[in-house]
């Protein structure tokens, strides 16, 4: 499987999932709890609908699916980190910032060769392939903002005033990383420790990380360590600092 194949598969999955969830997004029934996912968190009805559609397509290919609700499924040399709905709260409330995220890899972030994120509310698609990143087919790049005082930041969760120009939290890490990749926001930082290594899960951010990196961002954890060794597994957790190289350096100093 190559990047072109992965793009075609991702578009098939995204279009099918969007068609299924757009009918229920924002309605009370979308937020009904229908079970507990393999990650140990409640599965909402809209999550289940999205995952069932996505998995039904991905199962036609020789891939290992690592997904929030269903866990690890399938066999093959290619791993697919899948988040059928990233931003479930937004989706159930009708807030138009929730996404589908797919990342194709040989088993970890370092071997990822294709990442795809679609804003399911708007249909905007982001993807990374062949060392570049795109939004709706147009090449994108991170901002050149270098000063913290000029920085429009996405930050989970600041415990003091860092002096950013603006601070935002949109509730969909996959899309938020794409906002950084296209230069709409200057950085993404998540300092939450969760179970020690971080709060974010690999399927939340794998595609967004690749898209941001290919758009010129430097990506590490909050200690400045490379995250490319992070595995496509249910157990993996991470923190993140994502920005252009100079701003990234200053952010590490700021939160250190």
C-alpha atoms as a PDB file:
ATOM      1  CA  UNK A   1       0.000   0.000   0.000  1.00  0.00           C
ATOM      2  CA  UNK A   2       1.280   3.483  -0.888  1.00  0.00           C
ATOM      3  CA  UNK A   3       0.168   7.019  -0.084  1.00  0.00           C
ATOM      4  CA  UNK A   4      -2.123   7.238  -3.102  1.00  0.00           C
ATOM      5  CA  UNK A   5      -3.908   4.051  -2.034  1.00  0.00           C
ATOM      6  CA  UNK A   6      -4.235   5.386   1.510  1.00  0.00           C
ATOM      7  CA  UNK A   7      -5.732   8.653   0.233  1.00  0.00           C
ATOM      8  CA  UNK A   8      -8.368   6.800  -1.776  1.00  0.00           C
ATOM      9  CA  UNK A   9      -9.244   4.576   1.176  1.00  0.00           C
ATOM     10  CA  UNK A  10      -9.373   7.543   3.558  1.00  0.00           C
ATOM     11  CA  UNK A  11     -11.697   9.483   1.299  1.00  0.00           C
ATOM     12  CA  UNK A  12     -14.007   6.490   0.985  1.00  0.00           C
ATOM     13  CA  UNK A  13     -14.092   6.134   4.766  1.00  0.00           C
ATOM     14  CA  UNK A  14     -14.525   9.877   5.405  1.00  0.00           C
ATOM     15  CA  UNK A  15     -17.324  10.390   2.906  1.00  0.00           C
ATOM     16  CA  UNK A  16     -19.216   7.351   4.209  1.00  0.00           C
ATOM     17  CA  UNK A  17     -18.789   8.339   7.855  1.00  0.00           C
ATOM     18  CA  UNK A  18     -19.785  11.941   7.174  1.00  0.00           C
ATOM     19  CA  UNK A  19     -22.932  10.820   5.376  1.00  0.00           C
ATOM     20  CA  UNK A  20     -23.853   8.628   8.353  1.00  0.00           C
ATOM     21  CA  UNK A  21     -23.158  11.060  11.212  1.00  0.00           C
ATOM     22  CA  UNK A  22     -24.365  14.319   9.679  1.00  0.00           C
ATOM     23  CA  UNK A  23     -27.927  13.038  10.103  1.00  0.00           C
ATOM     24  CA  UNK A  24     -27.577  12.605  13.854  1.00  0.00           C
ATOM     25  CA  UNK A  25     -25.002  15.227  14.902  1.00  0.00           C
ATOM     26  CA  UNK A  26     -26.450  17.764  17.333  1.00  0.00           C
ATOM     27  CA  UNK A  27     -29.472  15.639  18.164  1.00  0.00           C
ATOM     28  CA  UNK A  28     -30.076  14.381  21.708  1.00  0.00           C
ATOM     29  CA  UNK A  29     -29.847  10.730  20.672  1.00  0.00           C
ATOM     30  CA  UNK A  30     -26.304  11.262  19.340  1.00  0.00           C
ATOM     31  CA  UNK A  31     -25.022  11.612  22.906  1.00  0.00           C
ATOM     32  CA  UNK A  32     -26.687   8.502  24.314  1.00  0.00           C
ATOM     33  CA  UNK A  33     -24.200   6.107  25.934  1.00  0.00           C
ATOM     34  CA  UNK A  34     -24.360   2.725  24.186  1.00  0.00           C
ATOM     35  CA  UNK A  35     -21.411   0.966  25.798  1.00  0.00           C
ATOM     36  CA  UNK A  36     -17.815   1.251  26.978  1.00  0.00           C
ATOM     37  CA  UNK A  37     -15.022   1.444  24.423  1.00  0.00           C
ATOM     38  CA  UNK A  38     -11.785  -0.536  24.515  1.00  0.00           C
ATOM     39  CA  UNK A  39     -10.115   2.601  25.833  1.00  0.00           C
ATOM     40  CA  UNK A  40     -12.323   2.415  28.920  1.00  0.00           C
ATOM     41  CA  UNK A  41     -14.411   5.505  28.193  1.00  0.00           C
ATOM     42  CA  UNK A  42     -18.156   5.654  27.436  1.00  0.00           C
ATOM     43  CA  UNK A  43     -19.128   5.078  23.806  1.00  0.00           C
ATOM     44  CA  UNK A  44     -21.729   7.519  22.527  1.00  0.00           C
ATOM     45  CA  UNK A  45     -24.193   6.560  19.826  1.00  0.00           C
ATOM     46  CA  UNK A  46     -22.531   8.853  17.286  1.00  0.00           C
ATOM     47  CA  UNK A  47     -19.134   7.235  18.031  1.00  0.00           C
ATOM     48  CA  UNK A  48     -20.566   3.768  17.424  1.00  0.00           C
ATOM     49  CA  UNK A  49     -22.224   4.775  14.154  1.00  0.00           C
ATOM     50  CA  UNK A  50     -19.022   6.380  12.858  1.00  0.00           C
ATOM     51  CA  UNK A  51     -16.772   3.502  13.895  1.00  0.00           C
ATOM     52  CA  UNK A  52     -19.048   0.815  12.468  1.00  0.00           C
ATOM     53  CA  UNK A  53     -19.005   2.546   9.085  1.00  0.00           C
ATOM     54  CA  UNK A  54     -15.241   3.142   9.120  1.00  0.00           C
ATOM     55  CA  UNK A  55     -14.345  -0.381  10.233  1.00  0.00           C
ATOM     56  CA  UNK A  56     -16.684  -1.981   7.694  1.00  0.00           C
ATOM     57  CA  UNK A  57     -14.620  -0.337   4.942  1.00  0.00           C
ATOM     58  CA  UNK A  58     -11.150  -0.781   6.450  1.00  0.00           C
ATOM     59  CA  UNK A  59     -11.782  -4.503   7.050  1.00  0.00           C
ATOM     60  CA  UNK A  60     -11.722  -4.966   3.279  1.00  0.00           C
ATOM     61  CA  UNK A  61      -7.974  -4.272   3.356  1.00  0.00           C
ATOM     62  CA  UNK A  62      -5.038  -6.140   4.905  1.00  0.00           C
ATOM     63  CA  UNK A  63      -4.507  -3.694   7.756  1.00  0.00           C
ATOM     64  CA  UNK A  64      -4.394  -3.705  11.543  1.00  0.00           C
ATOM     65  CA  UNK A  65      -6.952  -1.193  12.804  1.00  0.00           C
ATOM     66  CA  UNK A  66      -6.256   0.546  16.131  1.00  0.00           C
ATOM     67  CA  UNK A  67      -9.487   2.311  17.048  1.00  0.00           C
ATOM     68  CA  UNK A  68     -10.869   4.113  20.084  1.00  0.00           C
ATOM     69  CA  UNK A  69     -13.998   2.034  20.598  1.00  0.00           C
ATOM     70  CA  UNK A  70     -13.271  -1.354  18.994  1.00  0.00           C
ATOM     71  CA  UNK A  71      -9.616  -1.686  19.989  1.00  0.00           C
ATOM     72  CA  UNK A  72      -7.252  -3.650  17.723  1.00  0.00           C
ATOM     73  CA  UNK A  73      -8.775  -5.455  14.727  1.00  0.00           C
ATOM     74  CA  UNK A  74      -7.495  -7.199  11.602  1.00  0.00           C
ATOM     75  CA  UNK A  75      -4.158  -8.451  10.325  1.00  0.00           C
ATOM     76  CA  UNK A  76      -1.525  -7.053   7.994  1.00  0.00           C
ATOM     77  CA  UNK A  77       1.757  -5.177   7.713  1.00  0.00           C
ATOM     78  CA  UNK A  78       0.084  -1.760   7.725  1.00  0.00           C
ATOM     79  CA  UNK A  79      -1.365  -0.233  10.891  1.00  0.00           C
ATOM     80  CA  UNK A  80      -4.197   2.301  10.729  1.00  0.00           C
ATOM     81  CA  UNK A  81      -4.757   4.550  13.752  1.00  0.00           C
ATOM     82  CA  UNK A  82      -8.451   5.421  13.545  1.00  0.00           C
ATOM     83  CA  UNK A  83     -10.471   7.945  15.494  1.00  0.00           C
ATOM     84  CA  UNK A  84     -13.963   7.863  13.947  1.00  0.00           C
ATOM     85  CA  UNK A  85     -15.125  10.949  15.866  1.00  0.00           C
ATOM     86  CA  UNK A  86     -12.496  13.190  17.435  1.00  0.00           C
ATOM     87  CA  UNK A  87     -14.518  15.808  19.279  1.00  0.00           C
ATOM     88  CA  UNK A  88     -17.527  13.759  20.375  1.00  0.00           C
ATOM     89  CA  UNK A  89     -18.737  16.469  22.756  1.00  0.00           C
ATOM     90  CA  UNK A  90     -18.846  18.975  19.899  1.00  0.00           C
ATOM     91  CA  UNK A  91     -20.584  16.488  17.604  1.00  0.00           C
ATOM     92  CA  UNK A  92     -23.321  15.732  20.115  1.00  0.00           C
ATOM     93  CA  UNK A  93     -23.909  19.453  20.728  1.00  0.00           C
ATOM     94  CA  UNK A  94     -23.918  20.419  17.051  1.00  0.00           C
ATOM     95  CA  UNK A  95     -20.690  22.428  17.370  1.00  0.00           C
ATOM     96  CA  UNK A  96     -19.049  22.169  13.916  1.00  0.00           C
ATOM     97  CA  UNK A  97     -15.581  21.118  15.065  1.00  0.00           C
ATOM     98  CA  UNK A  98     -15.382  17.316  15.057  1.00  0.00           C
ATOM     99  CA  UNK A  99     -13.353  15.097  12.814  1.00  0.00           C
ATOM    100  CA  UNK A 100     -12.410  11.719  11.430  1.00  0.00           C
ATOM    101  CA  UNK A 101      -8.716  10.875  11.727  1.00  0.00           C
ATOM    102  CA  UNK A 102      -6.759   8.135   9.934  1.00  0.00           C
ATOM    103  CA  UNK A 103      -3.021   7.510   9.959  1.00  0.00           C
ATOM    104  CA  UNK A 104      -1.252   4.726   8.033  1.00  0.00           C
ATOM    105  CA  UNK A 105       2.029   3.337   9.345  1.00  0.00           C
ATOM    106  CA  UNK A 106       4.289   0.315   9.703  1.00  0.00           C
ATOM    107  CA  UNK A 107       3.576   0.366  13.442  1.00  0.00           C
ATOM    108  CA  UNK A 108       4.729   3.647  14.972  1.00  0.00           C
ATOM    109  CA  UNK A 109       4.703   7.396  14.346  1.00  0.00           C
ATOM    110  CA  UNK A 110       8.172   7.315  12.808  1.00  0.00           C
ATOM    111  CA  UNK A 111       7.055   4.984  10.035  1.00  0.00           C
ATOM    112  CA  UNK A 112       3.786   6.811   9.306  1.00  0.00           C
ATOM    113  CA  UNK A 113       3.507   7.513   5.576  1.00  0.00           C
ATOM    114  CA  UNK A 114       0.023   9.002   5.265  1.00  0.00           C
ATOM    115  CA  UNK A 115      -2.250  11.022   7.538  1.00  0.00           C
ATOM    116  CA  UNK A 116      -5.801  12.182   6.885  1.00  0.00           C
ATOM    117  CA  UNK A 117      -8.221  14.354   8.858  1.00  0.00           C
ATOM    118  CA  UNK A 118     -11.673  15.508   7.756  1.00  0.00           C
ATOM    119  CA  UNK A 119     -13.811  18.052   9.569  1.00  0.00           C
ATOM    120  CA  UNK A 120     -17.017  16.045   9.369  1.00  0.00           C
ATOM    121  CA  UNK A 121     -19.161  19.133   9.932  1.00  0.00           C
ATOM    122  CA  UNK A 122     -17.734  21.118   7.011  1.00  0.00           C
ATOM    123  CA  UNK A 123     -16.177  18.507   4.735  1.00  0.00           C
ATOM    124  CA  UNK A 124     -12.766  20.209   4.805  1.00  0.00           C
ATOM    125  CA  UNK A 125     -10.005  17.616   4.402  1.00  0.00           C
ATOM    126  CA  UNK A 126      -6.379  17.722   5.429  1.00  0.00           C
ATOM    127  CA  UNK A 127      -3.767  15.158   4.508  1.00  0.00           C
ATOM    128  CA  UNK A 128      -0.025  14.540   4.514  1.00  0.00           C
ATOM    129  CA  UNK A 129       1.777  12.600   1.818  1.00  0.00           C
ATOM    130  CA  UNK A 130       5.163  12.612   0.117  1.00  0.00           C
ATOM    131  CA  UNK A 131       6.615  15.098   2.602  1.00  0.00           C
ATOM    132  CA  UNK A 132       3.945  17.783   2.103  1.00  0.00           C
ATOM    133  CA  UNK A 133       0.612  18.665   3.667  1.00  0.00           C
ATOM    134  CA  UNK A 134      -2.587  19.843   2.029  1.00  0.00           C
ATOM    135  CA  UNK A 135      -5.988  21.331   2.832  1.00  0.00           C
ATOM    136  CA  UNK A 136      -8.615  20.669   0.190  1.00  0.00           C
ATOM    137  CA  UNK A 137      -5.821  19.973  -2.294  1.00  0.00           C
ATOM    138  CA  UNK A 138      -3.860  23.182  -1.597  1.00  0.00           C
ATOM    139  CA  UNK A 139      -0.408  22.984   0.015  1.00  0.00           C
ATOM    140  CA  UNK A 140      -0.271  24.353   3.564  1.00  0.00           C
ATOM    141  CA  UNK A 141       2.510  25.490   5.917  1.00  0.00           C
ATOM    142  CA  UNK A 142       2.828  26.430   9.575  1.00  0.00           C
ATOM    143  CA  UNK A 143       2.977  30.072  10.605  1.00  0.00           C
ATOM    144  CA  UNK A 144       6.278  31.927  10.974  1.00  0.00           C
ATOM    145  CA  UNK A 145       5.322  33.510  14.308  1.00  0.00           C
ATOM    146  CA  UNK A 146       8.339  33.306  16.628  1.00  0.00           C
ATOM    147  CA  UNK A 147       7.431  35.500  19.602  1.00  0.00           C
ATOM    148  CA  UNK A 148       5.242  34.109  22.381  1.00  0.00           C
ATOM    149  CA  UNK A 149       3.589  37.507  22.787  1.00  0.00           C
ATOM    150  CA  UNK A 150       2.353  37.308  19.196  1.00  0.00           C
ATOM    151  CA  UNK A 151       1.332  33.669  19.467  1.00  0.00           C
ATOM    152  CA  UNK A 152      -2.204  32.352  18.971  1.00  0.00           C
ATOM    153  CA  UNK A 153      -2.012  29.174  21.039  1.00  0.00           C
ATOM    154  CA  UNK A 154      -4.025  25.999  21.517  1.00  0.00           C
ATOM    155  CA  UNK A 155      -3.111  24.793  25.005  1.00  0.00           C
ATOM    156  CA  UNK A 156      -4.433  21.912  27.168  1.00  0.00           C
ATOM    157  CA  UNK A 157      -4.392  23.195  29.985  1.00  0.00           C
ATOM    158  CA  UNK A 158      -2.354  26.198  31.134  1.00  0.00           C
ATOM    159  CA  UNK A 159      -1.766  26.500  34.879  1.00  0.00           C
ATOM    160  CA  UNK A 160      -0.518  30.083  34.625  1.00  0.00           C
ATOM    161  CA  UNK A 161      -0.496  33.044  32.238  1.00  0.00           C
ATOM    162  CA  UNK A 162       2.200  32.354  29.649  1.00  0.00           C
ATOM    163  CA  UNK A 163       1.737  35.646  27.835  1.00  0.00           C
ATOM    164  CA  UNK A 164       0.162  34.359  24.627  1.00  0.00           C
ATOM    165  CA  UNK A 165      -1.663  36.814  22.405  1.00  0.00           C
ATOM    166  CA  UNK A 166      -4.659  34.476  22.275  1.00  0.00           C
ATOM    167  CA  UNK A 167      -5.492  31.145  23.888  1.00  0.00           C
ATOM    168  CA  UNK A 168      -8.032  28.706  22.441  1.00  0.00           C
ATOM    169  CA  UNK A 169      -9.270  25.154  23.014  1.00  0.00           C
ATOM    170  CA  UNK A 170     -11.513  23.763  20.267  1.00  0.00           C
ATOM    171  CA  UNK A 171     -12.034  20.215  21.507  1.00  0.00           C
ATOM    172  CA  UNK A 172     -10.709  18.123  18.609  1.00  0.00           C
ATOM    173  CA  UNK A 173      -6.967  17.502  18.787  1.00  0.00           C
ATOM    174  CA  UNK A 174      -6.807  16.096  15.256  1.00  0.00           C
ATOM    175  CA  UNK A 175      -8.327  19.269  13.793  1.00  0.00           C
ATOM    176  CA  UNK A 176      -6.401  21.547  16.136  1.00  0.00           C
ATOM    177  CA  UNK A 177      -3.124  20.114  14.857  1.00  0.00           C
ATOM    178  CA  UNK A 178      -4.366  20.803  11.329  1.00  0.00           C
ATOM    179  CA  UNK A 179      -5.155  24.400  12.331  1.00  0.00           C
ATOM    180  CA  UNK A 180      -1.484  24.710  13.293  1.00  0.00           C
ATOM    181  CA  UNK A 181      -0.401  23.001  10.066  1.00  0.00           C
ATOM    182  CA  UNK A 182      -2.273  25.556   7.959  1.00  0.00           C
ATOM    183  CA  UNK A 183      -1.053  28.524  10.018  1.00  0.00           C
ATOM    184  CA  UNK A 184      -4.490  29.442  11.382  1.00  0.00           C
ATOM    185  CA  UNK A 185      -3.068  28.889  14.887  1.00  0.00           C
ATOM    186  CA  UNK A 186       0.587  29.102  15.849  1.00  0.00           C
ATOM    187  CA  UNK A 187       1.035  26.181  18.222  1.00  0.00           C
ATOM    188  CA  UNK A 188      -0.537  23.177  19.906  1.00  0.00           C
ATOM    189  CA  UNK A 189       0.528  22.252  23.436  1.00  0.00           C
ATOM    190  CA  UNK A 190      -0.855  19.504  25.659  1.00  0.00           C
ATOM    191  CA  UNK A 191       0.837  19.211  29.052  1.00  0.00           C
ATOM    192  CA  UNK A 192      -1.691  16.841  30.626  1.00  0.00           C
ATOM    193  CA  UNK A 193       0.098  13.917  32.262  1.00  0.00           C
ATOM    194  CA  UNK A 194      -2.810  11.465  32.296  1.00  0.00           C
ATOM    195  CA  UNK A 195      -1.360   8.044  33.143  1.00  0.00           C
ATOM    196  CA  UNK A 196       2.190   9.367  33.437  1.00  0.00           C
ATOM    197  CA  UNK A 197       3.246   9.596  29.796  1.00  0.00           C
ATOM    198  CA  UNK A 198       0.407  11.889  28.788  1.00  0.00           C
ATOM    199  CA  UNK A 199      -3.307  12.124  28.171  1.00  0.00           C
ATOM    200  CA  UNK A 200      -3.451  12.050  24.370  1.00  0.00           C
ATOM    201  CA  UNK A 201      -3.863   8.696  22.645  1.00  0.00           C
ATOM    202  CA  UNK A 202      -2.147   7.682  19.454  1.00  0.00           C
ATOM    203  CA  UNK A 203      -5.326   7.584  17.374  1.00  0.00           C
ATOM    204  CA  UNK A 204      -6.238  11.094  18.573  1.00  0.00           C
ATOM    205  CA  UNK A 205      -3.143  12.714  17.131  1.00  0.00           C
ATOM    206  CA  UNK A 206      -1.145  10.452  14.778  1.00  0.00           C
ATOM    207  CA  UNK A 207      -2.584  11.907  11.573  1.00  0.00           C
ATOM    208  CA  UNK A 208      -2.494  15.478  12.870  1.00  0.00           C
ATOM    209  CA  UNK A 209       1.117  15.122  13.975  1.00  0.00           C
ATOM    210  CA  UNK A 210       2.170  13.911  10.523  1.00  0.00           C
ATOM    211  CA  UNK A 211       0.213  16.697   8.826  1.00  0.00           C
ATOM    212  CA  UNK A 212       1.799  19.314  11.097  1.00  0.00           C
ATOM    213  CA  UNK A 213       5.308  17.902  10.626  1.00  0.00           C
ATOM    214  CA  UNK A 214       4.990  17.851   6.850  1.00  0.00           C
ATOM    215  CA  UNK A 215       3.781  21.449   6.999  1.00  0.00           C
ATOM    216  CA  UNK A 216       7.006  22.492   8.751  1.00  0.00           C
ATOM    217  CA  UNK A 217       6.257  22.010  12.447  1.00  0.00           C
ATOM    218  CA  UNK A 218       8.632  20.589  15.008  1.00  0.00           C
ATOM    219  CA  UNK A 219       6.900  17.987  17.186  1.00  0.00           C
ATOM    220  CA  UNK A 220       8.098  16.681  20.559  1.00  0.00           C
ATOM    221  CA  UNK A 221       6.697  15.862  23.964  1.00  0.00           C
ATOM    222  CA  UNK A 222       6.805  18.495  26.716  1.00  0.00           C
ATOM    223  CA  UNK A 223      10.366  17.450  27.606  1.00  0.00           C
ATOM    224  CA  UNK A 224      11.615  17.978  24.067  1.00  0.00           C
ATOM    225  CA  UNK A 225      11.815  14.255  23.334  1.00  0.00           C
ATOM    226  CA  UNK A 226      11.108  12.794  19.911  1.00  0.00           C
ATOM    227  CA  UNK A 227       7.673  11.133  19.667  1.00  0.00           C
ATOM    228  CA  UNK A 228       8.327   9.134  16.512  1.00  0.00           C
ATOM    229  CA  UNK A 229       8.896   5.971  18.521  1.00  0.00           C
ATOM    230  CA  UNK A 230       5.337   6.051  19.858  1.00  0.00           C
ATOM    231  CA  UNK A 231       3.581   2.819  18.882  1.00  0.00           C
ATOM    232  CA  UNK A 232       0.205   2.360  17.252  1.00  0.00           C
ATOM    233  CA  UNK A 233      -1.326   0.633  20.254  1.00  0.00           C
ATOM    234  CA  UNK A 234      -4.183   1.134  22.721  1.00  0.00           C
ATOM    235  CA  UNK A 235      -1.734   1.652  25.576  1.00  0.00           C
ATOM    236  CA  UNK A 236       0.336   4.493  24.094  1.00  0.00           C
ATOM    237  CA  UNK A 237      -0.048   7.972  25.612  1.00  0.00           C
ATOM    238  CA  UNK A 238       1.753  11.231  24.918  1.00  0.00           C
ATOM    239  CA  UNK A 239       2.101  14.937  25.604  1.00  0.00           C
ATOM    240  CA  UNK A 240       2.794  17.317  22.723  1.00  0.00           C
ATOM    241  CA  UNK A 241       4.432  20.594  21.794  1.00  0.00           C
ATOM    242  CA  UNK A 242       3.892  21.491  18.119  1.00  0.00           C
ATOM    243  CA  UNK A 243       5.008  24.704  16.397  1.00  0.00           C
ATOM    244  CA  UNK A 244       7.539  26.084  13.932  1.00  0.00           C
ATOM    245  CA  UNK A 245      11.100  25.300  15.137  1.00  0.00           C
ATOM    246  CA  UNK A 246      11.920  28.675  16.692  1.00  0.00           C
ATOM    247  CA  UNK A 247       8.593  29.065  18.491  1.00  0.00           C
ATOM    248  CA  UNK A 248       8.835  25.430  19.562  1.00  0.00           C
ATOM    249  CA  UNK A 249      12.183  26.095  21.244  1.00  0.00           C
ATOM    250  CA  UNK A 250      10.717  29.049  23.153  1.00  0.00           C
ATOM    251  CA  UNK A 251       7.650  27.060  24.199  1.00  0.00           C
ATOM    252  CA  UNK A 252       9.810  24.320  25.717  1.00  0.00           C
ATOM    253  CA  UNK A 253      11.690  26.940  27.717  1.00  0.00           C
ATOM    254  CA  UNK A 254       8.389  28.510  28.783  1.00  0.00           C
ATOM    255  CA  UNK A 255       6.749  25.338  30.084  1.00  0.00           C
ATOM    256  CA  UNK A 256       9.924  23.649  31.338  1.00  0.00           C
END
